[in-house]
Amino acid sequence: GGRIDHSHHFNNAHRALVDTLAFEDAVITALGMTRPDDTLMVVTSDHSHVFAFGGYPKRGNPIFGTDDKPSDVDNMPYTTLLYANGPGYNHNFPNGRENLTNVDTEDKNFIQQSAVPRRWDSHGGEDVPVYAHGPMAHLFRGVFEQTYVPHALAFASCIGPQRDDCERKRQSYHRQLIECPSPHIEEGMNSVAMWMSSRLCIIACLCLLLLILRQDRT
């Protein structure tokens, strides 16, 4: 996932989104290698970027392409994907920015235009998503401060300050299992008892039959 960050810093939307798809494949692979009943998986980010979708492109327009209509100020095309700041700002054009009419904006090395010049783009300030799957995933629902995430992970993992509390809960849970067996366990025990009783009855009947036959012979 680190390469997503690097690409955004250089205003390279193409590589950032391609690496996002690669990151998705990595998550899918990890899900396939683990069990959801005993593995908590949390996917998030530590920040966003000043990366934006703009314009009014028609449905189906290439995401790396330009808007259907040019700017109503400089009459030049602009891309759907833009950055608020970063190296995409160019000082060398008298009209303020490069004319993209004959530029391949879908090239993997294309640098999106930005509004403010910087050596690399800055981080953004909006909320970032947190995805959780597995035991204790409910801890990551809703909206919360970023500092909450490591504490929730520690609690779910029974490490750090939460370790002793987890051990007490684990012992209490084991006692409940011993003192109050579940209905499934009781049903299983009753089934075994009935099976053994029926077999004992059959054996007793066979023994009685053998005794009767022996007495008849004598």
C-alpha atoms as a PDB file:
ATOM      1  CA  GLY A   1       0.000   0.000   0.000  1.00  0.00           C
ATOM      2  CA  GLY A   2       2.948   2.379   0.393  1.00  0.00           C
ATOM      3  CA  ARG A   3       3.277   2.911  -3.344  1.00  0.00           C
ATOM      4  CA  ILE A   4      -0.230   4.380  -3.441  1.00  0.00           C
ATOM      5  CA  ASP A   5       1.036   7.154  -1.190  1.00  0.00           C
ATOM      6  CA  HIS A   6       4.172   7.718  -3.270  1.00  0.00           C
ATOM      7  CA  SER A   7       2.208   8.047  -6.508  1.00  0.00           C
ATOM      8  CA  HIS A   8      -0.215  10.552  -5.012  1.00  0.00           C
ATOM      9  CA  HIS A   9       2.667  12.659  -3.733  1.00  0.00           C
ATOM     10  CA  PHE A  10       3.884  12.971  -7.323  1.00  0.00           C
ATOM     11  CA  ASN A  11       0.393  13.692  -8.720  1.00  0.00           C
ATOM     12  CA  ASN A  12       0.471  10.425 -10.672  1.00  0.00           C
ATOM     13  CA  ALA A  13      -3.153   9.281 -10.462  1.00  0.00           C
ATOM     14  CA  HIS A  14      -2.707   6.370 -12.883  1.00  0.00           C
ATOM     15  CA  ARG A  15      -0.069   4.593 -10.798  1.00  0.00           C
ATOM     16  CA  ALA A  16      -1.908   5.410  -7.567  1.00  0.00           C
ATOM     17  CA  LEU A  17      -5.113   3.727  -8.745  1.00  0.00           C
ATOM     18  CA  VAL A  18      -3.298   0.751 -10.304  1.00  0.00           C
ATOM     19  CA  ASP A  19      -1.504   0.180  -6.991  1.00  0.00           C
ATOM     20  CA  THR A  20      -4.847   0.468  -5.198  1.00  0.00           C
ATOM     21  CA  LEU A  21      -6.140  -2.441  -7.293  1.00  0.00           C
ATOM     22  CA  ALA A  22      -2.983  -4.413  -6.459  1.00  0.00           C
ATOM     23  CA  PHE A  23      -3.582  -3.702  -2.777  1.00  0.00           C
ATOM     24  CA  GLU A  24      -7.142  -4.992  -3.159  1.00  0.00           C
ATOM     25  CA  ASP A  25      -5.769  -8.228  -4.643  1.00  0.00           C
ATOM     26  CA  ALA A  26      -3.452  -8.573  -1.642  1.00  0.00           C
ATOM     27  CA  VAL A  27      -6.378  -8.212   0.761  1.00  0.00           C
ATOM     28  CA  ILE A  28      -8.411 -10.799  -1.168  1.00  0.00           C
ATOM     29  CA  THR A  29      -5.457 -13.206  -1.033  1.00  0.00           C
ATOM     30  CA  ALA A  30      -5.102 -12.691   2.722  1.00  0.00           C
ATOM     31  CA  LEU A  31      -8.819 -13.358   3.223  1.00  0.00           C
ATOM     32  CA  GLY A  32      -8.469 -16.608   1.299  1.00  0.00           C
ATOM     33  CA  MET A  33      -5.549 -17.744   3.464  1.00  0.00           C
ATOM     34  CA  THR A  34      -7.270 -17.116   6.814  1.00  0.00           C
ATOM     35  CA  ARG A  35     -10.474 -18.083   8.603  1.00  0.00           C
ATOM     36  CA  PRO A  36     -13.006 -15.343   9.397  1.00  0.00           C
ATOM     37  CA  ASP A  37     -13.953 -17.011  12.694  1.00  0.00           C
ATOM     38  CA  ASP A  38     -10.480 -16.701  14.218  1.00  0.00           C
ATOM     39  CA  THR A  39      -8.696 -13.940  12.267  1.00  0.00           C
ATOM     40  CA  LEU A  40      -9.447 -10.233  12.547  1.00  0.00           C
ATOM     41  CA  MET A  41      -8.426  -8.267   9.462  1.00  0.00           C
ATOM     42  CA  VAL A  42      -8.433  -4.467   9.528  1.00  0.00           C
ATOM     43  CA  VAL A  43      -7.688  -2.339   6.456  1.00  0.00           C
ATOM     44  CA  THR A  44      -7.330   1.427   6.713  1.00  0.00           C
ATOM     45  CA  SER A  45      -5.080   4.371   5.893  1.00  0.00           C
ATOM     46  CA  ASP A  46      -3.276   6.897   8.057  1.00  0.00           C
ATOM     47  CA  HIS A  47      -4.311   9.830   5.841  1.00  0.00           C
ATOM     48  CA  SER A  48      -5.797  10.912   2.524  1.00  0.00           C
ATOM     49  CA  HIS A  49      -4.387  13.155  -0.226  1.00  0.00           C
ATOM     50  CA  VAL A  50      -5.587  16.353  -1.908  1.00  0.00           C
ATOM     51  CA  PHE A  51      -6.913  14.184  -4.748  1.00  0.00           C
ATOM     52  CA  ALA A  52     -10.234  15.150  -6.333  1.00  0.00           C
ATOM     53  CA  PHE A  53     -12.755  14.206  -9.008  1.00  0.00           C
ATOM     54  CA  GLY A  54     -13.993  17.207 -10.950  1.00  0.00           C
ATOM     55  CA  GLY A  55     -16.059  18.245 -13.932  1.00  0.00           C
ATOM     56  CA  TYR A  56     -19.148  16.816 -15.615  1.00  0.00           C
ATOM     57  CA  PRO A  57     -17.931  13.915 -17.763  1.00  0.00           C
ATOM     58  CA  LYS A  58     -20.514  11.633 -19.342  1.00  0.00           C
ATOM     59  CA  ARG A  59     -21.163   8.174 -17.975  1.00  0.00           C
ATOM     60  CA  GLY A  60     -18.514   5.775 -19.258  1.00  0.00           C
ATOM     61  CA  ASN A  61     -15.912   8.470 -19.851  1.00  0.00           C
ATOM     62  CA  PRO A  62     -12.374   7.130 -19.124  1.00  0.00           C
ATOM     63  CA  ILE A  63     -11.417   7.972 -15.556  1.00  0.00           C
ATOM     64  CA  PHE A  64      -7.982   9.131 -16.750  1.00  0.00           C
ATOM     65  CA  GLY A  65      -9.477  11.192 -19.588  1.00  0.00           C
ATOM     66  CA  THR A  66     -10.616  14.801 -19.864  1.00  0.00           C
ATOM     67  CA  ASP A  67     -14.021  16.356 -19.349  1.00  0.00           C
ATOM     68  CA  ASP A  68     -16.377  16.520 -22.336  1.00  0.00           C
ATOM     69  CA  LYS A  69     -16.324  20.313 -22.271  1.00  0.00           C
ATOM     70  CA  PRO A  70     -13.253  22.552 -21.854  1.00  0.00           C
ATOM     71  CA  SER A  71     -12.836  25.089 -19.093  1.00  0.00           C
ATOM     72  CA  ASP A  72     -15.157  28.092 -19.423  1.00  0.00           C
ATOM     73  CA  VAL A  73     -12.249  30.388 -18.476  1.00  0.00           C
ATOM     74  CA  ASP A  74      -9.213  29.367 -20.556  1.00  0.00           C
ATOM     75  CA  ASN A  75     -11.107  27.175 -23.066  1.00  0.00           C
ATOM     76  CA  MET A  76      -8.648  24.294 -22.572  1.00  0.00           C
ATOM     77  CA  PRO A  77      -9.454  20.691 -21.601  1.00  0.00           C
ATOM     78  CA  TYR A  78      -8.915  19.498 -18.041  1.00  0.00           C
ATOM     79  CA  THR A  79      -8.739  16.014 -16.563  1.00  0.00           C
ATOM     80  CA  THR A  80     -11.400  14.433 -14.396  1.00  0.00           C
ATOM     81  CA  LEU A  81      -8.738  13.629 -11.792  1.00  0.00           C
ATOM     82  CA  LEU A  82      -6.949  16.621 -10.285  1.00  0.00           C
ATOM     83  CA  TYR A  83      -4.800  17.581  -7.299  1.00  0.00           C
ATOM     84  CA  ALA A  84      -5.024  20.697  -5.144  1.00  0.00           C
ATOM     85  CA  ASN A  85      -1.243  20.994  -4.948  1.00  0.00           C
ATOM     86  CA  GLY A  86       1.918  19.229  -6.043  1.00  0.00           C
ATOM     87  CA  PRO A  87       4.367  18.972  -8.949  1.00  0.00           C
ATOM     88  CA  GLY A  88       1.543  19.028 -11.509  1.00  0.00           C
ATOM     89  CA  TYR A  89       1.550  22.820 -11.383  1.00  0.00           C
ATOM     90  CA  ASN A  90       3.652  24.121 -14.293  1.00  0.00           C
ATOM     91  CA  HIS A  91       5.228  27.608 -14.361  1.00  0.00           C
ATOM     92  CA  ASN A  92       6.328  27.423 -17.996  1.00  0.00           C
ATOM     93  CA  PHE A  93       3.039  28.228 -19.752  1.00  0.00           C
ATOM     94  CA  PRO A  94       1.898  31.831 -20.330  1.00  0.00           C
ATOM     95  CA  ASN A  95      -1.770  30.882 -19.937  1.00  0.00           C
ATOM     96  CA  GLY A  96      -1.182  29.393 -16.510  1.00  0.00           C
ATOM     97  CA  ARG A  97      -1.265  25.708 -17.439  1.00  0.00           C
ATOM     98  CA  GLU A  98      -0.473  23.265 -20.207  1.00  0.00           C
ATOM     99  CA  ASN A  99      -2.953  22.748 -23.030  1.00  0.00           C
ATOM    100  CA  LEU A 100      -3.880  19.044 -22.849  1.00  0.00           C
ATOM    101  CA  THR A 101      -5.552  18.872 -26.266  1.00  0.00           C
ATOM    102  CA  ASN A 102      -2.860  16.641 -27.795  1.00  0.00           C
ATOM    103  CA  VAL A 103      -1.597  15.057 -24.571  1.00  0.00           C
ATOM    104  CA  ASP A 104      -2.192  11.381 -23.713  1.00  0.00           C
ATOM    105  CA  THR A 105      -3.656  11.826 -20.242  1.00  0.00           C
ATOM    106  CA  GLU A 106      -4.158   8.055 -19.911  1.00  0.00           C
ATOM    107  CA  ASP A 107      -0.426   7.335 -20.044  1.00  0.00           C
ATOM    108  CA  LYS A 108       0.814   5.695 -16.831  1.00  0.00           C
ATOM    109  CA  ASN A 109       3.470   8.386 -16.411  1.00  0.00           C
ATOM    110  CA  PHE A 110       1.126  11.341 -16.930  1.00  0.00           C
ATOM    111  CA  ILE A 111       1.241  13.882 -14.092  1.00  0.00           C
ATOM    112  CA  GLN A 112      -2.141  15.399 -13.238  1.00  0.00           C
ATOM    113  CA  GLN A 113      -2.368  19.163 -13.115  1.00  0.00           C
ATOM    114  CA  SER A 114      -2.530  20.835  -9.711  1.00  0.00           C
ATOM    115  CA  ALA A 115      -3.700  24.243  -8.490  1.00  0.00           C
ATOM    116  CA  VAL A 116      -0.736  25.136  -6.255  1.00  0.00           C
ATOM    117  CA  PRO A 117       2.952  24.384  -6.920  1.00  0.00           C
ATOM    118  CA  ARG A 118       4.702  22.050  -4.508  1.00  0.00           C
ATOM    119  CA  ARG A 119       7.580  19.591  -4.837  1.00  0.00           C
ATOM    120  CA  TRP A 120       5.062  16.887  -3.906  1.00  0.00           C
ATOM    121  CA  ASP A 121       1.425  16.959  -2.899  1.00  0.00           C
ATOM    122  CA  SER A 122       0.351  17.267   0.722  1.00  0.00           C
ATOM    123  CA  HIS A 123      -1.900  15.007   2.746  1.00  0.00           C
ATOM    124  CA  GLY A 124      -5.628  15.666   2.912  1.00  0.00           C
ATOM    125  CA  GLY A 125      -7.824  16.225   5.951  1.00  0.00           C
ATOM    126  CA  GLU A 126     -11.006  14.234   5.277  1.00  0.00           C
ATOM    127  CA  ASP A 127     -12.000  11.058   7.102  1.00  0.00           C
ATOM    128  CA  VAL A 128     -10.553   7.797   5.800  1.00  0.00           C
ATOM    129  CA  PRO A 129     -12.467   4.486   5.844  1.00  0.00           C
ATOM    130  CA  VAL A 130     -11.717   1.603   8.195  1.00  0.00           C
ATOM    131  CA  TYR A 131     -12.750  -1.869   7.003  1.00  0.00           C
ATOM    132  CA  ALA A 132     -12.833  -4.770   9.473  1.00  0.00           C
ATOM    133  CA  HIS A 133     -13.647  -8.455   9.008  1.00  0.00           C
ATOM    134  CA  GLY A 134     -13.630 -11.237  11.580  1.00  0.00           C
ATOM    135  CA  PRO A 135     -13.812 -11.454  15.405  1.00  0.00           C
ATOM    136  CA  MET A 136     -14.256  -8.078  17.131  1.00  0.00           C
ATOM    137  CA  ALA A 137     -14.967  -6.351  13.793  1.00  0.00           C
ATOM    138  CA  HIS A 138     -17.842  -4.537  15.525  1.00  0.00           C
ATOM    139  CA  LEU A 139     -15.260  -2.410  17.355  1.00  0.00           C
ATOM    140  CA  PHE A 140     -14.577  -0.538  14.121  1.00  0.00           C
ATOM    141  CA  ARG A 141     -18.099   0.619  13.296  1.00  0.00           C
ATOM    142  CA  GLY A 142     -19.074   4.267  13.145  1.00  0.00           C
ATOM    143  CA  VAL A 143     -16.959   7.425  13.179  1.00  0.00           C
ATOM    144  CA  PHE A 144     -14.028   7.746  15.597  1.00  0.00           C
ATOM    145  CA  GLU A 145     -10.677   9.463  16.105  1.00  0.00           C
ATOM    146  CA  GLN A 146      -7.631   7.903  14.499  1.00  0.00           C
ATOM    147  CA  THR A 147      -6.041   7.328  17.930  1.00  0.00           C
ATOM    148  CA  TYR A 148      -8.867   4.905  18.736  1.00  0.00           C
ATOM    149  CA  VAL A 149      -7.742   2.370  16.130  1.00  0.00           C
ATOM    150  CA  PRO A 150      -4.570   1.060  17.856  1.00  0.00           C
ATOM    151  CA  HIS A 151      -6.392   0.776  21.190  1.00  0.00           C
ATOM    152  CA  ALA A 152      -9.190  -1.223  19.543  1.00  0.00           C
ATOM    153  CA  LEU A 153      -6.621  -3.473  17.863  1.00  0.00           C
ATOM    154  CA  ALA A 154      -4.847  -4.042  21.187  1.00  0.00           C
ATOM    155  CA  PHE A 155      -8.144  -4.848  22.898  1.00  0.00           C
ATOM    156  CA  ALA A 156      -9.155  -7.304  20.167  1.00  0.00           C
ATOM    157  CA  SER A 157      -5.702  -8.941  20.255  1.00  0.00           C
ATOM    158  CA  CYS A 158      -5.519  -9.143  24.078  1.00  0.00           C
ATOM    159  CA  ILE A 159      -2.165  -7.369  24.198  1.00  0.00           C
ATOM    160  CA  GLY A 160      -0.856  -4.378  26.112  1.00  0.00           C
ATOM    161  CA  PRO A 161      -2.989  -2.966  28.945  1.00  0.00           C
ATOM    162  CA  GLN A 162      -5.933  -5.177  27.910  1.00  0.00           C
ATOM    163  CA  ARG A 163      -4.076  -8.452  28.400  1.00  0.00           C
ATOM    164  CA  ASP A 164      -5.093  -9.062  32.035  1.00  0.00           C
ATOM    165  CA  ASP A 165      -8.718  -8.128  31.365  1.00  0.00           C
ATOM    166  CA  CYS A 166      -8.857 -10.560  28.449  1.00  0.00           C
ATOM    167  CA  GLU A 167      -7.447 -13.364  30.594  1.00  0.00           C
ATOM    168  CA  ARG A 168     -10.106 -12.791  33.272  1.00  0.00           C
ATOM    169  CA  LYS A 169     -12.853 -12.863  30.645  1.00  0.00           C
ATOM    170  CA  ARG A 170     -11.403 -16.024  29.113  1.00  0.00           C
ATOM    171  CA  GLN A 171     -11.389 -17.802  32.483  1.00  0.00           C
ATOM    172  CA  SER A 172     -14.945 -16.630  33.184  1.00  0.00           C
ATOM    173  CA  TYR A 173     -16.057 -17.925  29.788  1.00  0.00           C
ATOM    174  CA  HIS A 174     -14.499 -21.337  30.455  1.00  0.00           C
ATOM    175  CA  ARG A 175     -16.263 -21.545  33.833  1.00  0.00           C
ATOM    176  CA  GLN A 176     -19.591 -20.790  32.155  1.00  0.00           C
ATOM    177  CA  LEU A 177     -19.013 -23.597  29.679  1.00  0.00           C
ATOM    178  CA  ILE A 178     -18.335 -26.050  32.509  1.00  0.00           C
ATOM    179  CA  GLU A 179     -21.188 -24.914  34.768  1.00  0.00           C
ATOM    180  CA  CYS A 180     -23.778 -24.322  32.039  1.00  0.00           C
ATOM    181  CA  PRO A 181     -23.302 -26.678  29.105  1.00  0.00           C
ATOM    182  CA  SER A 182     -24.949 -25.501  25.925  1.00  0.00           C
ATOM    183  CA  PRO A 183     -28.155 -27.163  24.640  1.00  0.00           C
ATOM    184  CA  HIS A 184     -26.145 -28.713  21.827  1.00  0.00           C
ATOM    185  CA  ILE A 185     -23.825 -30.403  24.322  1.00  0.00           C
ATOM    186  CA  GLU A 186     -26.770 -31.626  26.419  1.00  0.00           C
ATOM    187  CA  GLU A 187     -28.507 -32.990  23.337  1.00  0.00           C
ATOM    188  CA  GLY A 188     -25.329 -34.781  22.348  1.00  0.00           C
ATOM    189  CA  MET A 189     -24.942 -36.296  25.819  1.00  0.00           C
ATOM    190  CA  ASN A 190     -28.588 -37.437  25.842  1.00  0.00           C
ATOM    191  CA  SER A 191     -28.152 -39.054  22.432  1.00  0.00           C
ATOM    192  CA  VAL A 192     -25.095 -40.963  23.632  1.00  0.00           C
ATOM    193  CA  ALA A 193     -26.935 -42.100  26.769  1.00  0.00           C
ATOM    194  CA  MET A 194     -29.897 -43.377  24.735  1.00  0.00           C
ATOM    195  CA  TRP A 195     -27.560 -45.190  22.340  1.00  0.00           C
ATOM    196  CA  MET A 196     -25.744 -46.909  25.221  1.00  0.00           C
ATOM    197  CA  SER A 197     -29.025 -47.843  26.944  1.00  0.00           C
ATOM    198  CA  SER A 198     -30.396 -49.466  23.802  1.00  0.00           C
ATOM    199  CA  ARG A 199     -27.190 -51.466  23.324  1.00  0.00           C
ATOM    200  CA  LEU A 200     -27.236 -52.620  26.970  1.00  0.00           C
ATOM    201  CA  CYS A 201     -30.851 -53.782  26.586  1.00  0.00           C
ATOM    202  CA  ILE A 202     -29.936 -55.833  23.524  1.00  0.00           C
ATOM    203  CA  ILE A 203     -26.982 -57.408  25.328  1.00  0.00           C
ATOM    204  CA  ALA A 204     -29.165 -58.228  28.360  1.00  0.00           C
ATOM    205  CA  CYS A 205     -31.781 -59.882  26.126  1.00  0.00           C
ATOM    206  CA  LEU A 206     -29.117 -61.981  24.405  1.00  0.00           C
ATOM    207  CA  CYS A 207     -27.717 -63.112  27.752  1.00  0.00           C
ATOM    208  CA  LEU A 208     -31.209 -64.069  28.955  1.00  0.00           C
ATOM    209  CA  LEU A 209     -31.835 -66.012  25.743  1.00  0.00           C
ATOM    210  CA  LEU A 210     -28.575 -67.938  26.159  1.00  0.00           C
ATOM    211  CA  LEU A 211     -29.516 -68.872  29.731  1.00  0.00           C
ATOM    212  CA  ILE A 212     -32.917 -70.150  28.602  1.00  0.00           C
ATOM    213  CA  LEU A 213     -31.371 -72.239  25.822  1.00  0.00           C
ATOM    214  CA  ARG A 214     -28.811 -73.714  28.217  1.00  0.00           C
ATOM    215  CA  GLN A 215     -31.540 -74.675  30.709  1.00  0.00           C
ATOM    216  CA  ASP A 216     -33.567 -76.358  27.949  1.00  0.00           C
ATOM    217  CA  ARG A 217     -30.567 -78.488  26.973  1.00  0.00           C
ATOM    218  CA  THR A 218     -30.029 -79.626  30.531  1.00  0.00           C
END
